[in-house]
PDB file of all heavy atoms in Angstrom:
ATOM      1  N   GLU A   1     -75.543  17.921-290.789  1.00  0.00           N
ATOM      2  CA  GLU A   1     -76.989  17.900-290.736  1.00  0.00           C
ATOM      3  C   GLU A   1     -77.495  17.708-289.295  1.00  0.00           C
ATOM      4  O   GLU A   1     -78.448  18.293-288.857  1.00  0.00           O
ATOM      5  CB  GLU A   1     -77.518  16.781-291.642  1.00  0.00           C
ATOM      6  CG  GLU A   1     -79.007  16.491-291.539  1.00  0.00           C
ATOM      7  CD  GLU A   1     -79.883  17.593-292.081  1.00  0.00           C
ATOM      8  OE1 GLU A   1     -79.353  18.581-292.673  1.00  0.00           O
ATOM      9  OE2 GLU A   1     -81.116  17.525-291.916  1.00  0.00           O
ATOM     10  N   ALA A   2     -76.811  16.846-288.562  1.00  0.00           N
ATOM     11  CA  ALA A   2     -77.172  16.583-287.160  1.00  0.00           C
ATOM     12  C   ALA A   2     -77.063  17.857-286.321  1.00  0.00           C
ATOM     13  O   ALA A   2     -77.930  18.149-285.516  1.00  0.00           O
ATOM     14  CB  ALA A   2     -76.311  15.475-286.592  1.00  0.00           C
ATOM     15  N   ARG A   3     -76.016  18.651-286.545  1.00  0.00           N
ATOM     16  CA  ARG A   3     -75.855  19.903-285.811  1.00  0.00           C
ATOM     17  C   ARG A   3     -76.907  20.912-286.232  1.00  0.00           C
ATOM     18  O   ARG A   3     -77.464  21.616-285.395  1.00  0.00           O
ATOM     19  CB  ARG A   3     -74.461  20.473-286.078  1.00  0.00           C
ATOM     20  CG  ARG A   3     -74.243  21.913-285.622  1.00  0.00           C
ATOM     21  CD  ARG A   3     -74.404  22.137-284.095  1.00  0.00           C
ATOM     22  NE  ARG A   3     -73.462  21.362-283.324  1.00  0.00           N
ATOM     23  CZ  ARG A   3     -73.244  21.602-282.009  1.00  0.00           C
ATOM     24  NH1 ARG A   3     -73.939  22.532-281.345  1.00  0.00           N
ATOM     25  NH2 ARG A   3     -72.368  20.857-281.310  1.00  0.00           N
ATOM     26  N   THR A   4     -77.261  20.920-287.532  1.00  0.00           N
ATOM     27  CA  THR A   4     -78.276  21.853-288.006  1.00  0.00           C
ATOM     28  C   THR A   4     -79.650  21.562-287.309  1.00  0.00           C
ATOM     29  O   THR A   4     -80.327  22.496-286.836  1.00  0.00           O
ATOM     30  CB  THR A   4     -78.485  21.717-289.554  1.00  0.00           C
ATOM     31  OG1 THR A   4     -77.190  21.875-290.173  1.00  0.00           O
ATOM     32  CG2 THR A   4     -79.420  22.770-290.093  1.00  0.00           C
ATOM     33  N   VAL A   5     -79.974  20.304-287.206  1.00  0.00           N
ATOM     34  CA  VAL A   5     -81.203  19.887-286.541  1.00  0.00           C
ATOM     35  C   VAL A   5     -81.139  20.132-285.052  1.00  0.00           C
ATOM     36  O   VAL A   5     -82.105  20.594-284.429  1.00  0.00           O
ATOM     37  CB  VAL A   5     -81.515  18.422-286.858  1.00  0.00           C
ATOM     38  CG1 VAL A   5     -82.744  17.949-286.028  1.00  0.00           C
ATOM     39  CG2 VAL A   5     -81.816  18.220-288.361  1.00  0.00           C
ATOM     40  N   GLN A   6     -79.989  19.838-284.448  1.00  0.00           N
ATOM     41  CA  GLN A   6     -79.810  20.051-283.049  1.00  0.00           C
ATOM     42  C   GLN A   6     -80.090  21.473-282.627  1.00  0.00           C
ATOM     43  O   GLN A   6     -80.696  21.764-281.609  1.00  0.00           O
ATOM     44  CB  GLN A   6     -78.384  19.662-282.639  1.00  0.00           C
ATOM     45  CG  GLN A   6     -78.076  19.827-281.157  1.00  0.00           C
ATOM     46  CD  GLN A   6     -76.592  19.473-280.805  1.00  0.00           C
ATOM     47  OE1 GLN A   6     -75.763  19.418-281.686  1.00  0.00           O
ATOM     48  NE2 GLN A   6     -76.338  19.233-279.562  1.00  0.00           N
ATOM     49  N   MET A   7     -79.611  22.438-283.471  1.00  0.00           N
ATOM     50  CA  MET A   7     -79.724  23.828-283.086  1.00  0.00           C
ATOM     51  C   MET A   7     -81.156  24.345-283.261  1.00  0.00           C
ATOM     52  O   MET A   7     -81.652  25.145-282.429  1.00  0.00           O
ATOM     53  CB  MET A   7     -78.766  24.715-283.871  1.00  0.00           C
ATOM     54  CG  MET A   7     -77.274  24.327-283.581  1.00  0.00           C
ATOM     55  SD  MET A   7     -76.847  23.999-281.844  1.00  0.00           S
ATOM     56  CE  MET A   7     -77.024  25.650-281.153  1.00  0.00           C
ATOM     57  N   ILE A   8     -81.908  23.831-284.239  1.00  0.00           N
ATOM     58  CA  ILE A   8     -83.305  24.288-284.348  1.00  0.00           C
ATOM     59  C   ILE A   8     -84.141  23.676-283.184  1.00  0.00           C
ATOM     60  O   ILE A   8     -85.041  24.321-282.683  1.00  0.00           O
ATOM     61  CB  ILE A   8     -83.892  23.922-285.737  1.00  0.00           C
ATOM     62  CG1 ILE A   8     -85.116  24.851-286.046  1.00  0.00           C
ATOM     63  CG2 ILE A   8     -84.339  22.479-285.829  1.00  0.00           C
ATOM     64  CD1 ILE A   8     -84.751  26.303-286.154  1.00  0.00           C
ATOM     65  N   ASN A   9     -83.738  22.485-282.787  1.00  0.00           N
ATOM     66  CA  ASN A   9     -84.415  21.894-281.617  1.00  0.00           C
ATOM     67  C   ASN A   9     -84.089  22.716-280.346  1.00  0.00           C
ATOM     68  O   ASN A   9     -84.965  22.896-279.488  1.00  0.00           O
ATOM     69  CB  ASN A   9     -83.942  20.468-281.393  1.00  0.00           C
ATOM     70  CG  ASN A   9     -84.517  19.510-282.475  1.00  0.00           C
ATOM     71  OD1 ASN A   9     -85.513  19.801-283.083  1.00  0.00           O
ATOM     72  ND2 ASN A   9     -83.858  18.341-282.610  1.00  0.00           N
ATOM     73  N   LEU A  10     -82.886  23.202-280.240  1.00  0.00           N
ATOM     74  CA  LEU A  10     -82.491  24.028-279.115  1.00  0.00           C
ATOM     75  C   LEU A  10     -83.286  25.340-279.107  1.00  0.00           C
ATOM     76  O   LEU A  10     -83.784  25.781-278.046  1.00  0.00           O
ATOM     77  CB  LEU A  10     -80.989  24.301-279.182  1.00  0.00           C
ATOM     78  CG  LEU A  10     -80.334  25.068-278.013  1.00  0.00           C
ATOM     79  CD1 LEU A  10     -78.870  24.669-277.845  1.00  0.00           C
ATOM     80  CD2 LEU A  10     -80.401  26.597-278.197  1.00  0.00           C
ATOM     81  N   TYR A  11     -83.417  25.970-280.248  1.00  0.00           N
ATOM     82  CA  TYR A  11     -84.213  27.181-280.332  1.00  0.00           C
ATOM     83  C   TYR A  11     -85.675  26.933-279.921  1.00  0.00           C
ATOM     84  O   TYR A  11     -86.268  27.751-279.224  1.00  0.00           O
ATOM     85  CB  TYR A  11     -84.214  27.739-281.745  1.00  0.00           C
ATOM     86  CG  TYR A  11     -82.872  28.365-282.193  1.00  0.00           C
ATOM     87  CD1 TYR A  11     -82.505  28.318-283.490  1.00  0.00           C
ATOM     88  CD2 TYR A  11     -82.045  28.965-281.244  1.00  0.00           C
ATOM     89  CE1 TYR A  11     -81.292  28.879-283.939  1.00  0.00           C
ATOM     90  CE2 TYR A  11     -80.790  29.537-281.662  1.00  0.00           C
ATOM     91  CZ  TYR A  11     -80.447  29.486-283.007  1.00  0.00           C
ATOM     92  OH  TYR A  11     -79.250  30.060-283.398  1.00  0.00           O
ATOM     93  N   ALA A  12     -86.232  25.821-280.360  1.00  0.00           N
ATOM     94  CA  ALA A  12     -87.625  25.500-280.011  1.00  0.00           C
ATOM     95  C   ALA A  12     -87.719  25.312-278.463  1.00  0.00           C
ATOM     96  O   ALA A  12     -88.719  25.733-277.844  1.00  0.00           O
ATOM     97  CB  ALA A  12     -88.077  24.234-280.728  1.00  0.00           C
ATOM     98  N   GLU A  13     -86.748  24.611-277.909  1.00  0.00           N
ATOM     99  CA  GLU A  13     -86.753  24.426-276.452  1.00  0.00           C
ATOM    100  C   GLU A  13     -86.698  25.753-275.701  1.00  0.00           C
ATOM    101  O   GLU A  13     -87.431  26.002-274.741  1.00  0.00           O
ATOM    102  CB  GLU A  13     -85.558  23.535-275.996  1.00  0.00           C
ATOM    103  CG  GLU A  13     -85.486  23.321-274.525  1.00  0.00           C
ATOM    104  CD  GLU A  13     -84.213  22.585-274.070  1.00  0.00           C
ATOM    105  OE1 GLU A  13     -83.434  22.162-275.007  1.00  0.00           O
ATOM    106  OE2 GLU A  13     -83.979  22.453-272.868  1.00  0.00           O
ATOM    107  N   PHE A  14     -85.817  26.658-276.206  1.00  0.00           N
ATOM    108  CA  PHE A  14     -85.705  27.988-275.528  1.00  0.00           C
ATOM    109  C   PHE A  14     -87.053  28.718-275.678  1.00  0.00           C
ATOM    110  O   PHE A  14     -87.535  29.329-274.686  1.00  0.00           O
ATOM    111  CB  PHE A  14     -84.583  28.772-276.211  1.00  0.00           C
ATOM    112  CG  PHE A  14     -84.528  30.231-275.766  1.00  0.00           C
ATOM    113  CD1 PHE A  14     -84.032  30.528-274.507  1.00  0.00           C
ATOM    114  CD2 PHE A  14     -85.072  31.245-276.557  1.00  0.00           C
ATOM    115  CE1 PHE A  14     -84.013  31.889-274.057  1.00  0.00           C
ATOM    116  CE2 PHE A  14     -85.030  32.572-276.121  1.00  0.00           C
ATOM    117  CZ  PHE A  14     -84.493  32.875-274.902  1.00  0.00           C
ATOM    118  N   ALA A  15     -87.618  28.729-276.881  1.00  0.00           N
ATOM    119  CA  ALA A  15     -88.872  29.477-277.077  1.00  0.00           C
ATOM    120  C   ALA A  15     -89.983  28.951-276.156  1.00  0.00           C
ATOM    121  O   ALA A  15     -90.702  29.755-275.568  1.00  0.00           O
ATOM    122  CB  ALA A  15     -89.300  29.352-278.552  1.00  0.00           C
ATOM    123  N   GLU A  16     -90.105  27.661-276.001  1.00  0.00           N
ATOM    124  CA  GLU A  16     -91.217  27.123-275.252  1.00  0.00           C
ATOM    125  C   GLU A  16     -90.963  27.100-273.768  1.00  0.00           C
ATOM    126  O   GLU A  16     -91.846  27.449-272.987  1.00  0.00           O
ATOM    127  CB  GLU A  16     -91.553  25.745-275.797  1.00  0.00           C
ATOM    128  CG  GLU A  16     -91.977  25.784-277.243  1.00  0.00           C
ATOM    129  CD  GLU A  16     -92.619  24.492-277.748  1.00  0.00           C
ATOM    130  OE1 GLU A  16     -92.393  23.452-277.146  1.00  0.00           O
ATOM    131  OE2 GLU A  16     -93.342  24.578-278.762  1.00  0.00           O
ATOM    132  N   LYS A  17     -89.721  26.807-273.347  1.00  0.00           N
ATOM    133  CA  LYS A  17     -89.406  26.668-271.934  1.00  0.00           C
ATOM    134  C   LYS A  17     -89.203  28.040-271.270  1.00  0.00           C
ATOM    135  O   LYS A  17     -89.581  28.252-270.098  1.00  0.00           O
ATOM    136  CB  LYS A  17     -88.165  25.804-271.721  1.00  0.00           C
ATOM    137  CG  LYS A  17     -87.788  25.579-270.293  1.00  0.00           C
ATOM    138  CD  LYS A  17     -86.612  24.596-270.176  1.00  0.00           C
ATOM    139  CE  LYS A  17     -86.210  24.363-268.753  1.00  0.00           C
ATOM    140  NZ  LYS A  17     -85.030  23.468-268.626  1.00  0.00           N
ATOM    141  N   TYR A  18     -88.536  28.964-271.990  1.00  0.00           N
ATOM    142  CA  TYR A  18     -88.203  30.267-271.386  1.00  0.00           C
ATOM    143  C   TYR A  18     -89.088  31.408-271.847  1.00  0.00           C
ATOM    144  O   TYR A  18     -89.527  32.217-271.056  1.00  0.00           O
ATOM    145  CB  TYR A  18     -86.753  30.594-271.698  1.00  0.00           C
ATOM    146  CG  TYR A  18     -85.797  29.670-271.006  1.00  0.00           C
ATOM    147  CD1 TYR A  18     -85.314  28.492-271.619  1.00  0.00           C
ATOM    148  CD2 TYR A  18     -85.375  29.908-269.686  1.00  0.00           C
ATOM    149  CE1 TYR A  18     -84.487  27.603-270.962  1.00  0.00           C
ATOM    150  CE2 TYR A  18     -84.523  29.018-268.982  1.00  0.00           C
ATOM    151  CZ  TYR A  18     -84.080  27.880-269.661  1.00  0.00           C
ATOM    152  OH  TYR A  18     -83.247  27.016-269.013  1.00  0.00           O
ATOM    153  N   MET A  19     -89.441  31.450-273.151  1.00  0.00           N
ATOM    154  CA  MET A  19     -90.307  32.514-273.637  1.00  0.00           C
ATOM    155  C   MET A  19     -91.788  32.180-273.429  1.00  0.00           C
ATOM    156  O   MET A  19     -92.655  33.035-273.603  1.00  0.00           O
ATOM    157  CB  MET A  19     -90.038  32.748-275.126  1.00  0.00           C
ATOM    158  CG  MET A  19     -88.643  33.278-275.416  1.00  0.00           C
ATOM    159  SD  MET A  19     -88.411  33.578-277.230  1.00  0.00           S
ATOM    160  CE  MET A  19     -89.563  34.900-277.473  1.00  0.00           C
ATOM    161  N   ALA A  20     -92.081  30.886-273.105  1.00  0.00           N
ATOM    162  CA  ALA A  20     -93.487  30.443-273.000  1.00  0.00           C
ATOM    163  C   ALA A  20     -94.239  30.645-274.290  1.00  0.00           C
ATOM    164  O   ALA A  20     -95.413  30.961-274.313  1.00  0.00           O
ATOM    165  CB  ALA A  20     -94.176  31.118-271.799  1.00  0.00           C
ATOM    166  N   MET A  21     -93.496  30.464-275.393  1.00  0.00           N
ATOM    167  CA  MET A  21     -94.047  30.697-276.706  1.00  0.00           C
ATOM    168  C   MET A  21     -94.029  29.444-277.553  1.00  0.00           C
ATOM    169  O   MET A  21     -92.979  28.942-277.908  1.00  0.00           O
ATOM    170  CB  MET A  21     -93.212  31.812-277.433  1.00  0.00           C
ATOM    171  CG  MET A  21     -93.698  32.159-278.826  1.00  0.00           C
ATOM    172  SD  MET A  21     -92.694  33.466-279.604  1.00  0.00           S
ATOM    173  CE  MET A  21     -91.163  32.532-280.023  1.00  0.00           C
ATOM    174  N   PRO A  22     -95.216  28.874-277.846  1.00  0.00           N
ATOM    175  CA  PRO A  22     -95.219  27.641-278.652  1.00  0.00           C
ATOM    176  C   PRO A  22     -94.794  27.916-280.089  1.00  0.00           C
ATOM    177  O   PRO A  22     -95.073  28.978-280.640  1.00  0.00           O
ATOM    178  CB  PRO A  22     -96.679  27.255-278.618  1.00  0.00           C
ATOM    179  CG  PRO A  22     -97.424  28.495-278.385  1.00  0.00           C
ATOM    180  CD  PRO A  22     -96.543  29.335-277.509  1.00  0.00           C
ATOM    181  N   VAL A  23     -94.062  26.985-280.700  1.00  0.00           N
ATOM    182  CA  VAL A  23     -93.570  27.181-282.025  1.00  0.00           C
ATOM    183  C   VAL A  23     -93.829  25.864-282.832  1.00  0.00           C
ATOM    184  O   VAL A  23     -93.975  24.822-282.304  1.00  0.00           O
ATOM    185  CB  VAL A  23     -92.096  27.518-282.052  1.00  0.00           C
ATOM    186  CG1 VAL A  23     -91.855  28.862-281.435  1.00  0.00           C
ATOM    187  CG2 VAL A  23     -91.218  26.446-281.362  1.00  0.00           C
ATOM    188  N   ILE A  24     -93.878  26.091-284.158  1.00  0.00           N
ATOM    189  CA  ILE A  24     -93.944  24.973-285.080  1.00  0.00           C
ATOM    190  C   ILE A  24     -92.556  24.856-285.754  1.00  0.00           C
ATOM    191  O   ILE A  24     -92.059  25.866-286.316  1.00  0.00           O
ATOM    192  CB  ILE A  24     -95.039  25.156-286.113  1.00  0.00           C
ATOM    193  CG1 ILE A  24     -96.403  25.158-285.432  1.00  0.00           C
ATOM    194  CG2 ILE A  24     -94.956  24.119-287.218  1.00  0.00           C
ATOM    195  CD1 ILE A  24     -97.571  25.444-286.390  1.00  0.00           C
ATOM    196  N   GLN A  25     -91.979  23.682-285.686  1.00  0.00           N
ATOM    197  CA  GLN A  25     -90.692  23.450-286.354  1.00  0.00           C
ATOM    198  C   GLN A  25     -90.940  22.910-287.769  1.00  0.00           C
ATOM    199  O   GLN A  25     -91.834  22.045-287.947  1.00  0.00           O
ATOM    200  CB  GLN A  25     -89.859  22.446-285.592  1.00  0.00           C
ATOM    201  CG  GLN A  25     -89.419  22.892-284.198  1.00  0.00           C
ATOM    202  CD  GLN A  25     -88.536  21.927-283.536  1.00  0.00           C
ATOM    203  OE1 GLN A  25     -87.431  21.632-284.013  1.00  0.00           O
ATOM    204  NE2 GLN A  25     -88.938  21.335-282.403  1.00  0.00           N
ATOM    205  N   GLY A  26     -90.163  23.406-288.690  1.00  0.00           N
ATOM    206  CA  GLY A  26     -90.333  22.907-290.043  1.00  0.00           C
ATOM    207  C   GLY A  26     -89.197  23.290-290.973  1.00  0.00           C
ATOM    208  O   GLY A  26     -88.186  23.864-290.512  1.00  0.00           O
ATOM    209  N   VAL A  27     -89.337  22.953-292.221  1.00  0.00           N
ATOM    210  CA  VAL A  27     -88.340  23.220-293.232  1.00  0.00           C
ATOM    211  C   VAL A  27     -88.850  24.252-294.194  1.00  0.00           C
ATOM    212  O   VAL A  27     -90.039  24.228-294.549  1.00  0.00           O
ATOM    213  CB  VAL A  27     -87.968  21.903-293.975  1.00  0.00           C
ATOM    214  CG1 VAL A  27     -86.928  22.168-295.054  1.00  0.00           C
ATOM    215  CG2 VAL A  27     -87.535  20.842-293.046  1.00  0.00           C
ATOM    216  N   LYS A  28     -88.041  25.205-294.588  1.00  0.00           N
ATOM    217  CA  LYS A  28     -88.431  26.263-295.509  1.00  0.00           C
ATOM    218  C   LYS A  28     -88.545  25.671-296.955  1.00  0.00           C
ATOM    219  O   LYS A  28     -87.834  24.732-297.297  1.00  0.00           O
ATOM    220  CB  LYS A  28     -87.459  27.392-295.492  1.00  0.00           C
ATOM    221  CG  LYS A  28     -87.502  28.240-294.254  1.00  0.00           C
ATOM    222  CD  LYS A  28     -88.726  29.079-294.193  1.00  0.00           C
ATOM    223  CE  LYS A  28     -88.719  30.101-293.072  1.00  0.00           C
ATOM    224  NZ  LYS A  28     -89.982  30.871-292.987  1.00  0.00           N
ATOM    225  N   SER A  29     -89.390  26.255-297.754  1.00  0.00           N
ATOM    226  CA  SER A  29     -89.451  25.933-299.142  1.00  0.00           C
ATOM    227  C   SER A  29     -88.173  26.438-299.770  1.00  0.00           C
ATOM    228  O   SER A  29     -87.477  27.301-299.216  1.00  0.00           O
ATOM    229  CB  SER A  29     -90.666  26.543-299.806  1.00  0.00           C
ATOM    230  OG  SER A  29     -90.582  27.959-299.803  1.00  0.00           O
ATOM    231  N   GLU A  30     -87.892  25.988-300.977  1.00  0.00           N
ATOM    232  CA  GLU A  30     -86.635  26.398-301.676  1.00  0.00           C
ATOM    233  C   GLU A  30     -86.528  27.895-301.834  1.00  0.00           C
ATOM    234  O   GLU A  30     -85.463  28.481-301.601  1.00  0.00           O
ATOM    235  CB  GLU A  30     -86.526  25.746-303.018  1.00  0.00           C
ATOM    236  CG  GLU A  30     -85.256  25.989-303.771  1.00  0.00           C
ATOM    237  CD  GLU A  30     -85.130  25.231-305.063  1.00  0.00           C
ATOM    238  OE1 GLU A  30     -85.988  24.379-305.353  1.00  0.00           O
ATOM    239  OE2 GLU A  30     -84.170  25.503-305.825  1.00  0.00           O
ATOM    240  N   SER A  31     -87.607  28.576-302.159  1.00  0.00           N
ATOM    241  CA  SER A  31     -87.572  30.018-302.370  1.00  0.00           C
ATOM    242  C   SER A  31     -87.429  30.786-301.075  1.00  0.00           C
ATOM    243  O   SER A  31     -87.074  31.957-301.091  1.00  0.00           O
ATOM    244  CB  SER A  31     -88.819  30.480-303.135  1.00  0.00           C
ATOM    245  OG  SER A  31     -89.972  30.257-302.373  1.00  0.00           O
ATOM    246  N   GLU A  32     -87.746  30.162-299.955  1.00  0.00           N
ATOM    247  CA  GLU A  32     -87.697  30.868-298.672  1.00  0.00           C
ATOM    248  C   GLU A  32     -86.385  30.518-297.884  1.00  0.00           C
ATOM    249  O   GLU A  32     -86.217  31.020-296.771  1.00  0.00           O
ATOM    250  CB  GLU A  32     -88.902  30.512-297.809  1.00  0.00           C
ATOM    251  CG  GLU A  32     -90.204  31.027-298.315  1.00  0.00           C
ATOM    252  CD  GLU A  32     -90.375  32.537-298.165  1.00  0.00           C
ATOM    253  OE1 GLU A  32     -89.826  33.072-297.181  1.00  0.00           O
ATOM    254  OE2 GLU A  32     -90.956  33.190-299.021  1.00  0.00           O
ATOM    255  N   ARG A  33     -85.557  29.687-298.462  1.00  0.00           N
ATOM    256  CA  ARG A  33     -84.321  29.299-297.780  1.00  0.00           C
ATOM    257  C   ARG A  33     -83.352  30.475-297.673  1.00  0.00           C
ATOM    258  O   ARG A  33     -83.432  31.439-298.432  1.00  0.00           O
ATOM    259  CB  ARG A  33     -83.594  28.200-298.575  1.00  0.00           C
ATOM    260  CG  ARG A  33     -84.214  26.847-298.498  1.00  0.00           C
ATOM    261  CD  ARG A  33     -83.418  25.925-299.374  1.00  0.00           C
ATOM    262  NE  ARG A  33     -84.130  24.667-299.614  1.00  0.00           N
ATOM    263  CZ  ARG A  33     -83.888  23.828-300.594  1.00  0.00           C
ATOM    264  NH1 ARG A  33     -82.909  24.074-301.454  1.00  0.00           N
ATOM    265  NH2 ARG A  33     -84.583  22.743-300.749  1.00  0.00           N
ATOM    266  N   PHE A  34     -82.453  30.333-296.682  1.00  0.00           N
ATOM    267  CA  PHE A  34     -81.340  31.323-296.535  1.00  0.00           C
ATOM    268  C   PHE A  34     -80.469  31.263-297.800  1.00  0.00           C
ATOM    269  O   PHE A  34     -80.265  30.218-298.353  1.00  0.00           O
ATOM    270  CB  PHE A  34     -80.531  30.898-295.317  1.00  0.00           C
ATOM    271  CG  PHE A  34     -79.319  31.770-295.061  1.00  0.00           C
ATOM    272  CD1 PHE A  34     -79.393  33.034-294.537  1.00  0.00           C
ATOM    273  CD2 PHE A  34     -78.024  31.247-295.363  1.00  0.00           C
ATOM    274  CE1 PHE A  34     -78.275  33.799-294.315  1.00  0.00           C
ATOM    275  CE2 PHE A  34     -76.889  32.005-295.141  1.00  0.00           C
ATOM    276  CZ  PHE A  34     -77.036  33.273-294.605  1.00  0.00           C
ATOM    277  N   ALA A  35     -80.047  32.453-298.211  1.00  0.00           N
ATOM    278  CA  ALA A  35     -79.223  32.574-299.450  1.00  0.00           C
ATOM    279  C   ALA A  35     -77.942  31.766-299.329  1.00  0.00           C
ATOM    280  O   ALA A  35     -77.095  32.059-298.478  1.00  0.00           O
ATOM    281  CB  ALA A  35     -78.904  34.025-299.732  1.00  0.00           C
ATOM    282  N   GLY A  36     -77.784  30.746-300.181  1.00  0.00           N
ATOM    283  CA  GLY A  36     -76.614  29.913-300.189  1.00  0.00           C
ATOM    284  C   GLY A  36     -76.764  28.606-299.424  1.00  0.00           C
ATOM    285  O   GLY A  36     -75.808  27.821-299.349  1.00  0.00           O
ATOM    286  N   ALA A  37     -77.965  28.368-298.857  1.00  0.00           N
ATOM    287  CA  ALA A  37     -78.140  27.169-298.067  1.00  0.00           C
ATOM    288  C   ALA A  37     -78.765  26.042-298.931  1.00  0.00           C
ATOM    289  O   ALA A  37     -79.491  26.284-299.876  1.00  0.00           O
ATOM    290  CB  ALA A  37     -79.077  27.425-296.868  1.00  0.00           C
ATOM    291  N   LEU A  38     -78.462  24.785-298.532  1.00  0.00           N
ATOM    292  CA  LEU A  38     -79.113  23.648-299.166  1.00  0.00           C
ATOM    293  C   LEU A  38     -80.433  23.418-298.542  1.00  0.00           C
ATOM    294  O   LEU A  38     -81.376  22.927-299.185  1.00  0.00           O
ATOM    295  CB  LEU A  38     -78.262  22.361-299.004  1.00  0.00           C
ATOM    296  CG  LEU A  38     -76.860  22.335-299.611  1.00  0.00           C
ATOM    297  CD1 LEU A  38     -76.224  20.992-299.350  1.00  0.00           C
ATOM    298  CD2 LEU A  38     -76.911  22.664-301.082  1.00  0.00           C
ATOM    299  N   ASN A  39     -80.566  23.770-297.259  1.00  0.00           N
ATOM    300  CA  ASN A  39     -81.824  23.559-296.508  1.00  0.00           C
ATOM    301  C   ASN A  39     -81.860  24.515-295.349  1.00  0.00           C
ATOM    302  O   ASN A  39     -80.831  24.832-294.732  1.00  0.00           O
ATOM    303  CB  ASN A  39     -81.869  22.132-296.009  1.00  0.00           C
ATOM    304  CG  ASN A  39     -83.292  21.585-295.909  1.00  0.00           C
ATOM    305  OD1 ASN A  39     -84.243  22.331-296.175  1.00  0.00           O
ATOM    306  ND2 ASN A  39     -83.422  20.341-295.556  1.00  0.00           N
ATOM    307  N   THR A  40     -83.020  24.998-295.002  1.00  0.00           N
ATOM    308  CA  THR A  40     -83.242  25.887-293.856  1.00  0.00           C
ATOM    309  C   THR A  40     -84.362  25.350-292.982  1.00  0.00           C
ATOM    310  O   THR A  40     -85.450  25.091-293.411  1.00  0.00           O
ATOM    311  CB  THR A  40     -83.586  27.328-294.291  1.00  0.00           C
ATOM    312  OG1 THR A  40     -82.433  27.927-294.898  1.00  0.00           O
ATOM    313  CG2 THR A  40     -84.034  28.184-293.129  1.00  0.00           C
ATOM    314  N   TYR A  41     -83.995  25.151-291.669  1.00  0.00           N
ATOM    315  CA  TYR A  41     -85.012  24.766-290.680  1.00  0.00           C
ATOM    316  C   TYR A  41     -85.452  26.060-289.926  1.00  0.00           C
ATOM    317  O   TYR A  41     -84.669  26.977-289.756  1.00  0.00           O
ATOM    318  CB  TYR A  41     -84.409  23.767-289.682  1.00  0.00           C
ATOM    319  CG  TYR A  41     -84.025  22.436-290.278  1.00  0.00           C
ATOM    320  CD1 TYR A  41     -82.750  22.197-290.829  1.00  0.00           C
ATOM    321  CD2 TYR A  41     -84.980  21.417-290.273  1.00  0.00           C
ATOM    322  CE1 TYR A  41     -82.487  20.967-291.376  1.00  0.00           C
ATOM    323  CE2 TYR A  41     -84.680  20.151-290.795  1.00  0.00           C
ATOM    324  CZ  TYR A  41     -83.406  19.969-291.373  1.00  0.00           C
ATOM    325  OH  TYR A  41     -83.092  18.723-291.894  1.00  0.00           O
ATOM    326  N   THR A  42     -86.693  26.069-289.522  1.00  0.00           N
ATOM    327  CA  THR A  42     -87.218  27.267-288.887  1.00  0.00           C
ATOM    328  C   THR A  42     -88.131  26.933-287.731  1.00  0.00           C
ATOM    329  O   THR A  42     -88.680  25.821-287.661  1.00  0.00           O
ATOM    330  CB  THR A  42     -88.019  28.100-289.932  1.00  0.00           C
ATOM    331  OG1 THR A  42     -88.520  29.310-289.305  1.00  0.00           O
ATOM    332  CG2 THR A  42     -89.198  27.308-290.489  1.00  0.00           C
ATOM    333  N   ILE A  43     -88.299  27.873-286.796  1.00  0.00           N
ATOM    334  CA  ILE A  43     -89.396  27.792-285.836  1.00  0.00           C
ATOM    335  C   ILE A  43     -90.303  28.986-286.103  1.00  0.00           C
ATOM    336  O   ILE A  43     -89.835  30.123-286.264  1.00  0.00           O
ATOM    337  CB  ILE A  43     -88.888  27.816-284.353  1.00  0.00           C
ATOM    338  CG1 ILE A  43     -87.964  28.994-284.079  1.00  0.00           C
ATOM    339  CG2 ILE A  43     -88.193  26.508-284.046  1.00  0.00           C
ATOM    340  CD1 ILE A  43     -87.605  29.145-282.612  1.00  0.00           C
TER     341      ILE A  43
END
């Protein structure tokens, strides 16, 4: 779980620091999760 969160934080940092693109970090609803995942984080 710590690695999962770490990587979505990394993506957010890349988007904002390099792409100059603000993002909202969050968790997907059950129906929007990746197939086979317990939980999906998104930007």
